[in-house]
C-alpha atoms as a PDB file:
ATOM      1  CA  MET A   1       9.936 -13.868  -9.215  1.00  0.00           C
ATOM      2  CA  GLY A   2       9.531 -17.537  -9.844  1.00  0.00           C
ATOM      3  CA  ASN A   3       7.108 -20.362 -10.478  1.00  0.00           C
ATOM      4  CA  ILE A   4       5.807 -20.493  -6.913  1.00  0.00           C
ATOM      5  CA  LYS A   5       2.333 -21.690  -5.964  1.00  0.00           C
ATOM      6  CA  PHE A   6       0.508 -19.379  -3.578  1.00  0.00           C
ATOM      7  CA  ASP A   7      -2.575 -20.880  -1.990  1.00  0.00           C
ATOM      8  CA  MET A   8      -3.113 -19.065   1.306  1.00  0.00           C
ATOM      9  CA  LYS A   9      -5.409 -16.048   1.624  1.00  0.00           C
ATOM     10  CA  TYR A  10      -3.118 -13.654   3.429  1.00  0.00           C
ATOM     11  CA  LEU A  11      -4.462 -10.147   2.943  1.00  0.00           C
ATOM     12  CA  GLU A  12      -8.036  -9.588   1.732  1.00  0.00           C
ATOM     13  CA  VAL A  13      -9.318  -6.207   0.602  1.00  0.00           C
ATOM     14  CA  LYS A  14     -13.092  -6.090   0.213  1.00  0.00           C
ATOM     15  CA  LYS A  15     -15.021  -3.189  -1.358  1.00  0.00           C
ATOM     16  CA  VAL A  16     -12.851  -0.495   0.222  1.00  0.00           C
ATOM     17  CA  ASN A  17     -13.990   3.109  -0.244  1.00  0.00           C
ATOM     18  CA  LYS A  18     -12.251   6.324   0.792  1.00  0.00           C
ATOM     19  CA  ALA A  19     -13.107   9.927  -0.089  1.00  0.00           C
ATOM     20  CA  PHE A  20     -11.575  13.284   0.822  1.00  0.00           C
ATOM     21  CA  GLY A  21     -13.816  16.329   0.691  1.00  0.00           C
ATOM     22  CA  GLY A  22     -16.426  14.416  -1.267  1.00  0.00           C
ATOM     23  CA  LEU A  23     -13.886  13.270  -3.885  1.00  0.00           C
ATOM     24  CA  GLY A  24     -13.730   9.495  -4.140  1.00  0.00           C
ATOM     25  CA  ILE A  25     -10.120   8.276  -4.026  1.00  0.00           C
ATOM     26  CA  LEU A  26     -10.766   4.547  -3.491  1.00  0.00           C
ATOM     27  CA  LYS A  27     -13.910   3.046  -5.007  1.00  0.00           C
ATOM     28  CA  ASP A  28     -15.070  -0.493  -4.203  1.00  0.00           C
ATOM     29  CA  LEU A  29     -11.471  -1.693  -4.288  1.00  0.00           C
ATOM     30  CA  SER A  30     -11.201  -5.473  -3.846  1.00  0.00           C
ATOM     31  CA  PHE A  31      -8.306  -7.903  -4.268  1.00  0.00           C
ATOM     32  CA  GLU A  32      -6.236 -10.483  -2.388  1.00  0.00           C
ATOM     33  CA  VAL A  33      -2.567 -10.837  -1.603  1.00  0.00           C
ATOM     34  CA  LYS A  34      -1.202 -14.337  -1.130  1.00  0.00           C
ATOM     35  CA  LYS A  35       1.484 -15.280   1.345  1.00  0.00           C
ATOM     36  CA  GLY A  36       4.992 -15.210  -0.091  1.00  0.00           C
ATOM     37  CA  GLU A  37       4.230 -13.361  -3.317  1.00  0.00           C
ATOM     38  CA  VAL A  38       5.372 -10.020  -4.681  1.00  0.00           C
ATOM     39  CA  LEU A  39       2.299  -8.095  -5.791  1.00  0.00           C
ATOM     40  CA  GLY A  40       2.810  -5.020  -7.936  1.00  0.00           C
ATOM     41  CA  LEU A  41       0.216  -2.293  -7.390  1.00  0.00           C
ATOM     42  CA  ILE A  42       0.349  -0.159 -10.510  1.00  0.00           C
ATOM     43  CA  GLY A  43      -1.611   2.590 -12.221  1.00  0.00           C
ATOM     44  CA  PRO A  44      -1.278   6.201 -13.373  1.00  0.00           C
ATOM     45  CA  ASN A  45      -0.637   9.070 -10.958  1.00  0.00           C
ATOM     46  CA  GLY A  46      -3.718   9.750  -8.871  1.00  0.00           C
ATOM     47  CA  ALA A  47      -4.993   6.176  -9.124  1.00  0.00           C
ATOM     48  CA  GLY A  48      -5.136   5.850  -5.322  1.00  0.00           C
ATOM     49  CA  LYS A  49      -2.196   3.529  -4.723  1.00  0.00           C
ATOM     50  CA  SER A  50      -0.533   5.476  -1.907  1.00  0.00           C
ATOM     51  CA  THR A  51      -3.921   6.244  -0.367  1.00  0.00           C
ATOM     52  CA  PHE A  52      -4.544   2.518  -0.218  1.00  0.00           C
ATOM     53  CA  PHE A  53      -1.246   2.029   1.635  1.00  0.00           C
ATOM     54  CA  ASN A  54      -2.331   4.782   4.057  1.00  0.00           C
ATOM     55  CA  VAL A  55      -5.668   3.060   4.636  1.00  0.00           C
ATOM     56  CA  LEU A  56      -4.073  -0.350   5.082  1.00  0.00           C
ATOM     57  CA  THR A  57      -1.598   0.946   7.661  1.00  0.00           C
ATOM     58  CA  GLY A  58      -4.184   2.933   9.625  1.00  0.00           C
ATOM     59  CA  LEU A  59      -2.984   6.423   8.681  1.00  0.00           C
ATOM     60  CA  ASN A  60      -6.356   7.095   7.001  1.00  0.00           C
ATOM     61  CA  LYS A  61      -9.607   5.498   8.098  1.00  0.00           C
ATOM     62  CA  LEU A  62     -11.628   3.999   5.275  1.00  0.00           C
ATOM     63  CA  ASP A  63     -15.238   5.072   4.771  1.00  0.00           C
ATOM     64  CA  SER A  64     -16.550   1.591   4.086  1.00  0.00           C
ATOM     65  CA  GLY A  65     -15.321  -1.887   3.263  1.00  0.00           C
ATOM     66  CA  LYS A  66     -13.146  -4.377   5.091  1.00  0.00           C
ATOM     67  CA  ILE A  67      -9.491  -5.422   5.281  1.00  0.00           C
ATOM     68  CA  THR A  68      -8.436  -8.718   6.847  1.00  0.00           C
ATOM     69  CA  PHE A  69      -4.894  -9.937   7.507  1.00  0.00           C
ATOM     70  CA  LYS A  70      -4.408 -13.625   8.243  1.00  0.00           C
ATOM     71  CA  ASN A  71      -8.177 -13.872   8.820  1.00  0.00           C
ATOM     72  CA  GLU A  72      -8.156 -11.039  11.400  1.00  0.00           C
ATOM     73  CA  ASP A  73     -10.243  -7.925  10.708  1.00  0.00           C
ATOM     74  CA  ILE A  74      -7.783  -4.997  10.866  1.00  0.00           C
ATOM     75  CA  THR A  75     -10.105  -2.430   9.283  1.00  0.00           C
ATOM     76  CA  THR A  76     -10.235  -0.085  12.294  1.00  0.00           C
ATOM     77  CA  PHE A  77      -6.769  -0.718  13.707  1.00  0.00           C
ATOM     78  CA  ARG A  78      -4.417   2.139  14.601  1.00  0.00           C
ATOM     79  CA  PRO A  79      -0.972   2.356  12.938  1.00  0.00           C
ATOM     80  CA  ASP A  80       0.749   0.904  16.022  1.00  0.00           C
ATOM     81  CA  GLN A  81      -1.657  -2.051  16.034  1.00  0.00           C
ATOM     82  CA  ILE A  82      -0.965  -2.649  12.345  1.00  0.00           C
ATOM     83  CA  TYR A  83       2.777  -2.548  13.036  1.00  0.00           C
ATOM     84  CA  GLU A  84       2.358  -5.056  15.859  1.00  0.00           C
ATOM     85  CA  ARG A  85       0.805  -7.437  13.289  1.00  0.00           C
ATOM     86  CA  ARG A  86       4.180  -7.295  11.486  1.00  0.00           C
ATOM     87  CA  ILE A  87       3.079  -5.034   8.630  1.00  0.00           C
ATOM     88  CA  ALA A  88       5.569  -2.287   7.721  1.00  0.00           C
ATOM     89  CA  ARG A  89       5.937   0.211   4.902  1.00  0.00           C
ATOM     90  CA  THR A  90       8.139   2.775   3.219  1.00  0.00           C
ATOM     91  CA  PHE A  91       7.003   6.137   1.848  1.00  0.00           C
ATOM     92  CA  GLN A  92       7.472   7.956  -1.457  1.00  0.00           C
ATOM     93  CA  ASP A  93       9.230  10.695   0.513  1.00  0.00           C
ATOM     94  CA  THR A  94      11.412   9.041   3.118  1.00  0.00           C
ATOM     95  CA  LYS A  95      10.354   9.356   6.758  1.00  0.00           C
ATOM     96  CA  LEU A  96      13.682   8.883   8.523  1.00  0.00           C
ATOM     97  CA  PHE A  97      14.319  10.562  11.856  1.00  0.00           C
ATOM     98  CA  LYS A  98      16.565  13.296  10.478  1.00  0.00           C
ATOM     99  CA  GLN A  99      17.974  14.435  13.832  1.00  0.00           C
ATOM    100  CA  ILE A 100      19.496  11.070  14.834  1.00  0.00           C
ATOM    101  CA  THR A 101      22.128   8.858  13.244  1.00  0.00           C
ATOM    102  CA  VAL A 102      21.623   6.221  10.589  1.00  0.00           C
ATOM    103  CA  LEU A 103      22.395   3.464  13.106  1.00  0.00           C
ATOM    104  CA  GLU A 104      19.909   4.910  15.594  1.00  0.00           C
ATOM    105  CA  ASN A 105      17.282   4.969  12.849  1.00  0.00           C
ATOM    106  CA  LEU A 106      17.791   1.269  12.238  1.00  0.00           C
ATOM    107  CA  LEU A 107      17.726   0.462  15.961  1.00  0.00           C
ATOM    108  CA  SER A 108      14.474   2.411  16.350  1.00  0.00           C
ATOM    109  CA  ALA A 109      12.764  -0.038  13.977  1.00  0.00           C
ATOM    110  CA  ALA A 110      14.287  -3.223  15.398  1.00  0.00           C
ATOM    111  CA  TYR A 111      12.115  -6.186  16.276  1.00  0.00           C
ATOM    112  CA  TYR A 112      12.695  -7.630  19.763  1.00  0.00           C
ATOM    113  CA  GLN A 113      11.798 -11.251  20.472  1.00  0.00           C
ATOM    114  CA  ARG A 114      10.223 -10.134  23.753  1.00  0.00           C
ATOM    115  CA  ARG A 115       8.596  -6.741  24.297  1.00  0.00           C
ATOM    116  CA  VAL A 116      10.857  -4.181  25.953  1.00  0.00           C
ATOM    117  CA  THR A 117       9.198  -3.204  29.244  1.00  0.00           C
ATOM    118  CA  LEU A 118      10.287  -1.439  32.394  1.00  0.00           C
ATOM    119  CA  ALA A 119      10.230  -4.797  34.159  1.00  0.00           C
ATOM    120  CA  ARG A 120      12.698  -6.213  31.620  1.00  0.00           C
ATOM    121  CA  VAL A 121      14.983  -3.213  32.058  1.00  0.00           C
ATOM    122  CA  PHE A 122      15.205  -3.815  35.808  1.00  0.00           C
ATOM    123  CA  PHE A 123      14.862  -7.589  36.160  1.00  0.00           C
ATOM    124  CA  ASP A 124      15.951  -9.073  32.834  1.00  0.00           C
ATOM    125  CA  TYR A 125      18.754  -6.672  32.010  1.00  0.00           C
ATOM    126  CA  LYS A 126      21.387  -9.213  30.986  1.00  0.00           C
ATOM    127  CA  ARG A 127      19.199 -10.914  28.363  1.00  0.00           C
ATOM    128  CA  LEU A 128      17.820  -7.595  27.172  1.00  0.00           C
ATOM    129  CA  ASN A 129      21.322  -6.197  26.827  1.00  0.00           C
ATOM    130  CA  ALA A 130      22.477  -9.302  24.937  1.00  0.00           C
ATOM    131  CA  GLU A 131      19.541  -9.002  22.541  1.00  0.00           C
ATOM    132  CA  SER A 132      20.232  -5.271  22.082  1.00  0.00           C
ATOM    133  CA  GLU A 133      23.871  -5.966  21.225  1.00  0.00           C
ATOM    134  CA  ALA A 134      22.845  -8.669  18.736  1.00  0.00           C
ATOM    135  CA  ILE A 135      20.409  -6.237  17.103  1.00  0.00           C
ATOM    136  CA  LYS A 136      23.116  -3.561  16.891  1.00  0.00           C
ATOM    137  CA  SER A 137      25.484  -6.051  15.258  1.00  0.00           C
ATOM    138  CA  ARG A 138      22.801  -6.979  12.747  1.00  0.00           C
ATOM    139  CA  ALA A 139      22.205  -3.316  11.893  1.00  0.00           C
ATOM    140  CA  LEU A 140      25.921  -2.723  11.321  1.00  0.00           C
ATOM    141  CA  GLU A 141      26.121  -5.846   9.147  1.00  0.00           C
ATOM    142  CA  MET A 142      23.192  -4.581   7.061  1.00  0.00           C
ATOM    143  CA  LEU A 143      24.895  -1.247   6.489  1.00  0.00           C
ATOM    144  CA  ALA A 144      28.119  -3.019   5.511  1.00  0.00           C
ATOM    145  CA  SER A 145      26.248  -5.311   3.101  1.00  0.00           C
ATOM    146  CA  VAL A 146      25.147  -2.294   1.039  1.00  0.00           C
ATOM    147  CA  ASP A 147      28.486  -0.461   1.367  1.00  0.00           C
ATOM    148  CA  ILE A 148      27.359   2.354   3.659  1.00  0.00           C
ATOM    149  CA  ALA A 149      28.940   1.166   6.911  1.00  0.00           C
ATOM    150  CA  ASP A 150      30.749   4.512   7.051  1.00  0.00           C
ATOM    151  CA  LYS A 151      27.364   6.243   7.395  1.00  0.00           C
ATOM    152  CA  ALA A 152      26.412   4.466  10.651  1.00  0.00           C
ATOM    153  CA  HIS A 153      27.130   7.481  12.852  1.00  0.00           C
ATOM    154  CA  VAL A 154      26.131  10.154  10.321  1.00  0.00           C
ATOM    155  CA  LEU A 155      22.942  12.092  10.978  1.00  0.00           C
ATOM    156  CA  ALA A 156      20.139  10.938   8.679  1.00  0.00           C
ATOM    157  CA  ARG A 157      19.625  14.511   7.475  1.00  0.00           C
ATOM    158  CA  ASP A 158      23.097  14.410   5.903  1.00  0.00           C
ATOM    159  CA  LEU A 159      22.402  11.408   3.659  1.00  0.00           C
ATOM    160  CA  SER A 160      21.917  11.706  -0.068  1.00  0.00           C
ATOM    161  CA  TYR A 161      18.465  11.059  -1.516  1.00  0.00           C
ATOM    162  CA  GLY A 162      19.417   7.568  -2.668  1.00  0.00           C
ATOM    163  CA  GLN A 163      21.029   6.685   0.645  1.00  0.00           C
ATOM    164  CA  SER A 164      17.868   7.819   2.469  1.00  0.00           C
ATOM    165  CA  LYS A 165      15.742   5.508   0.320  1.00  0.00           C
ATOM    166  CA  LEU A 166      18.137   2.663   1.013  1.00  0.00           C
ATOM    167  CA  VAL A 167      18.158   3.220   4.792  1.00  0.00           C
ATOM    168  CA  GLU A 168      14.355   3.317   4.866  1.00  0.00           C
ATOM    169  CA  ILE A 169      14.248  -0.151   3.308  1.00  0.00           C
ATOM    170  CA  LEU A 170      16.862  -1.358   5.800  1.00  0.00           C
ATOM    171  CA  LYS A 171      14.578  -0.065   8.586  1.00  0.00           C
ATOM    172  CA  VAL A 172      11.756  -2.231   7.249  1.00  0.00           C
ATOM    173  CA  MET A 173      14.114  -5.195   7.201  1.00  0.00           C
ATOM    174  CA  MET A 174      15.157  -4.479  10.803  1.00  0.00           C
ATOM    175  CA  SER A 175      11.495  -4.645  11.830  1.00  0.00           C
ATOM    176  CA  ASP A 176      11.375  -8.246  10.585  1.00  0.00           C
ATOM    177  CA  SER A 177       7.827  -7.621   9.303  1.00  0.00           C
ATOM    178  CA  GLU A 178       5.920 -10.320   7.431  1.00  0.00           C
ATOM    179  CA  LEU A 179       4.097  -8.021   5.004  1.00  0.00           C
ATOM    180  CA  VAL A 180       6.200  -5.241   3.492  1.00  0.00           C
ATOM    181  CA  LEU A 181       4.686  -2.309   1.585  1.00  0.00           C
ATOM    182  CA  LEU A 182       7.142  -0.473  -0.665  1.00  0.00           C
ATOM    183  CA  ASP A 183       5.901   2.854  -2.035  1.00  0.00           C
ATOM    184  CA  GLU A 184       7.967   3.778  -5.118  1.00  0.00           C
ATOM    185  CA  PRO A 185      11.287   2.521  -3.705  1.00  0.00           C
ATOM    186  CA  PHE A 186      13.108   3.155  -7.013  1.00  0.00           C
ATOM    187  CA  SER A 187      11.804   6.664  -7.690  1.00  0.00           C
ATOM    188  CA  GLY A 188      14.561   9.107  -8.652  1.00  0.00           C
ATOM    189  CA  LEU A 189      17.407   6.631  -8.192  1.00  0.00           C
ATOM    190  CA  PHE A 190      20.468   5.992 -10.338  1.00  0.00           C
ATOM    191  CA  PRO A 191      20.817   2.538 -11.959  1.00  0.00           C
ATOM    192  CA  GLU A 192      23.431   1.325  -9.452  1.00  0.00           C
ATOM    193  CA  MET A 193      21.194   2.126  -6.473  1.00  0.00           C
ATOM    194  CA  ILE A 194      18.263   0.456  -8.242  1.00  0.00           C
ATOM    195  CA  LYS A 195      20.353  -2.712  -8.452  1.00  0.00           C
ATOM    196  CA  VAL A 196      21.131  -2.557  -4.719  1.00  0.00           C
ATOM    197  CA  ILE A 197      17.480  -2.121  -3.735  1.00  0.00           C
ATOM    198  CA  THR A 198      16.341  -4.831  -6.162  1.00  0.00           C
ATOM    199  CA  LYS A 199      18.791  -7.190  -4.466  1.00  0.00           C
ATOM    200  CA  LEU A 200      17.354  -6.283  -1.031  1.00  0.00           C
ATOM    201  CA  ILE A 201      13.809  -6.973  -2.224  1.00  0.00           C
ATOM    202  CA  LYS A 202      14.848 -10.376  -3.543  1.00  0.00           C
ATOM    203  CA  LYS A 203      16.561 -11.068  -0.209  1.00  0.00           C
ATOM    204  CA  MET A 204      13.300 -10.322   1.628  1.00  0.00           C
ATOM    205  CA  VAL A 205      11.441 -12.675  -0.701  1.00  0.00           C
ATOM    206  CA  ASP A 206      14.003 -15.395  -0.033  1.00  0.00           C
ATOM    207  CA  GLU A 207      13.383 -14.868   3.697  1.00  0.00           C
ATOM    208  CA  GLY A 208       9.676 -15.552   3.196  1.00  0.00           C
ATOM    209  CA  LYS A 209       8.353 -11.994   3.255  1.00  0.00           C
ATOM    210  CA  THR A 210       5.238 -10.983   1.345  1.00  0.00           C
ATOM    211  CA  ILE A 211       5.647  -7.740  -0.577  1.00  0.00           C
ATOM    212  CA  MET A 212       3.328  -5.164  -2.101  1.00  0.00           C
ATOM    213  CA  LEU A 213       5.137  -2.817  -4.447  1.00  0.00           C
ATOM    214  CA  VAL A 214       3.958   0.513  -5.881  1.00  0.00           C
ATOM    215  CA  GLU A 215       6.183   1.458  -8.793  1.00  0.00           C
ATOM    216  CA  HIS A 216       5.986   3.299 -12.132  1.00  0.00           C
ATOM    217  CA  ASN A 217       8.996   1.591 -13.724  1.00  0.00           C
ATOM    218  CA  MET A 218       7.240  -1.184 -15.643  1.00  0.00           C
ATOM    219  CA  LYS A 219      10.489  -2.958 -16.492  1.00  0.00           C
ATOM    220  CA  LEU A 220      11.165  -3.387 -12.772  1.00  0.00           C
ATOM    221  CA  ILE A 221       7.563  -4.401 -12.078  1.00  0.00           C
ATOM    222  CA  ASP A 222       7.870  -7.089 -14.754  1.00  0.00           C
ATOM    223  CA  GLU A 223      11.176  -8.272 -13.282  1.00  0.00           C
ATOM    224  CA  ILE A 224      10.168  -8.316  -9.613  1.00  0.00           C
ATOM    225  CA  SER A 225       6.418  -9.012  -9.395  1.00  0.00           C
ATOM    226  CA  ASP A 226       4.695 -12.374  -9.439  1.00  0.00           C
ATOM    227  CA  ARG A 227       1.371 -10.676 -10.144  1.00  0.00           C
ATOM    228  CA  VAL A 228      -0.015  -7.151 -10.536  1.00  0.00           C
ATOM    229  CA  VAL A 229      -3.193  -5.280  -9.669  1.00  0.00           C
ATOM    230  CA  VAL A 230      -3.880  -2.294 -11.914  1.00  0.00           C
ATOM    231  CA  MET A 231      -5.735   0.698 -10.472  1.00  0.00           C
ATOM    232  CA  ASP A 232      -7.293   3.693 -12.197  1.00  0.00           C
ATOM    233  CA  SER A 233      -9.325   6.447 -10.505  1.00  0.00           C
ATOM    234  CA  GLY A 234      -9.476   4.450  -7.284  1.00  0.00           C
ATOM    235  CA  SER A 235     -10.795   1.215  -8.793  1.00  0.00           C
ATOM    236  CA  LYS A 236      -9.215  -2.070  -9.850  1.00  0.00           C
ATOM    237  CA  ILE A 237      -9.334  -2.376 -13.638  1.00  0.00           C
ATOM    238  CA  ALA A 238      -7.146  -5.462 -14.156  1.00  0.00           C
ATOM    239  CA  GLU A 239      -5.340  -8.224 -12.294  1.00  0.00           C
ATOM    240  CA  GLY A 240      -2.939 -10.996 -13.284  1.00  0.00           C
ATOM    241  CA  SER A 241       0.578 -11.428 -14.618  1.00  0.00           C
ATOM    242  CA  PHE A 242       2.234  -8.252 -15.866  1.00  0.00           C
ATOM    243  CA  LYS A 243       2.634  -9.637 -19.364  1.00  0.00           C
ATOM    244  CA  LYS A 244      -1.081 -10.407 -19.504  1.00  0.00           C
ATOM    245  CA  VAL A 245      -2.501  -7.159 -18.113  1.00  0.00           C
ATOM    246  CA  SER A 246      -0.041  -4.924 -19.989  1.00  0.00           C
ATOM    247  CA  LYS A 247      -1.737  -5.991 -23.233  1.00  0.00           C
ATOM    248  CA  GLN A 248      -5.276  -5.201 -22.087  1.00  0.00           C
ATOM    249  CA  ALA A 249      -6.833  -2.217 -23.858  1.00  0.00           C
ATOM    250  CA  ASN A 250      -8.201  -0.621 -20.680  1.00  0.00           C
ATOM    251  CA  VAL A 251      -4.768  -0.757 -19.030  1.00  0.00           C
ATOM    252  CA  VAL A 252      -3.042   0.799 -22.043  1.00  0.00           C
ATOM    253  CA  GLU A 253      -5.712   3.512 -22.159  1.00  0.00           C
ATOM    254  CA  ALA A 254      -5.342   4.273 -18.435  1.00  0.00           C
ATOM    255  CA  TYR A 255      -1.611   4.860 -18.860  1.00  0.00           C
ATOM    256  CA  LEU A 256      -1.479   6.417 -22.315  1.00  0.00           C
ATOM    257  CA  GLY A 257      -4.924   7.864 -22.945  1.00  0.00           C
ATOM    258  CA  ASP A 258      -7.430   6.804 -25.575  1.00  0.00           C
END
């Protein structure tokens, strides 16, 4: 997304392996993500991209290998511990709370400057209430910025597919996470919604977020990513700028066949 120099080791993935029922899904997967970059994680269906996101966020435990975030070993962390480290993700199939409103969904993901505890509820109510009101205002402003302010009090189950994808990204933004994992955010969307979500991703980059993006639309990967890692059958087969790796024979073969 620009000629930016990235020199800090932010996320390190070292020889990660994961199998289900004896079938290897991730195989000695190793790469680094640098602070402030947009890294595209690409490869054919079944390459292991979403499984890697599941491993990184603690939904699946890896079989061997190591993952460090800002020099802290997070390999065995639970999902809530990963989230506390300011790592958040979206899913291919949205995971909104269908039974509550859009606004309530956003508030459920909000980042509070100080942890909300029972002690704060009783003894720090005024400041907690002020922070809650500020967070609510921010959520409403976010909805207005993408022209769905009228959906604030609509149940999430009544949103269209595209609106659900959009709200899930807004939830990640409400969490104020440092590392954002986007799993096929453009899948199945009309061009106008793609433009809206692309704008949100660029906004997150401008705010200093680091982003990992799984996506099959190579035009968008080329437009958005600073660098890509190409996976096939659970392994890394190429790494570098999209223009460079897209010309490599093994990458073309992985996507198109021999």
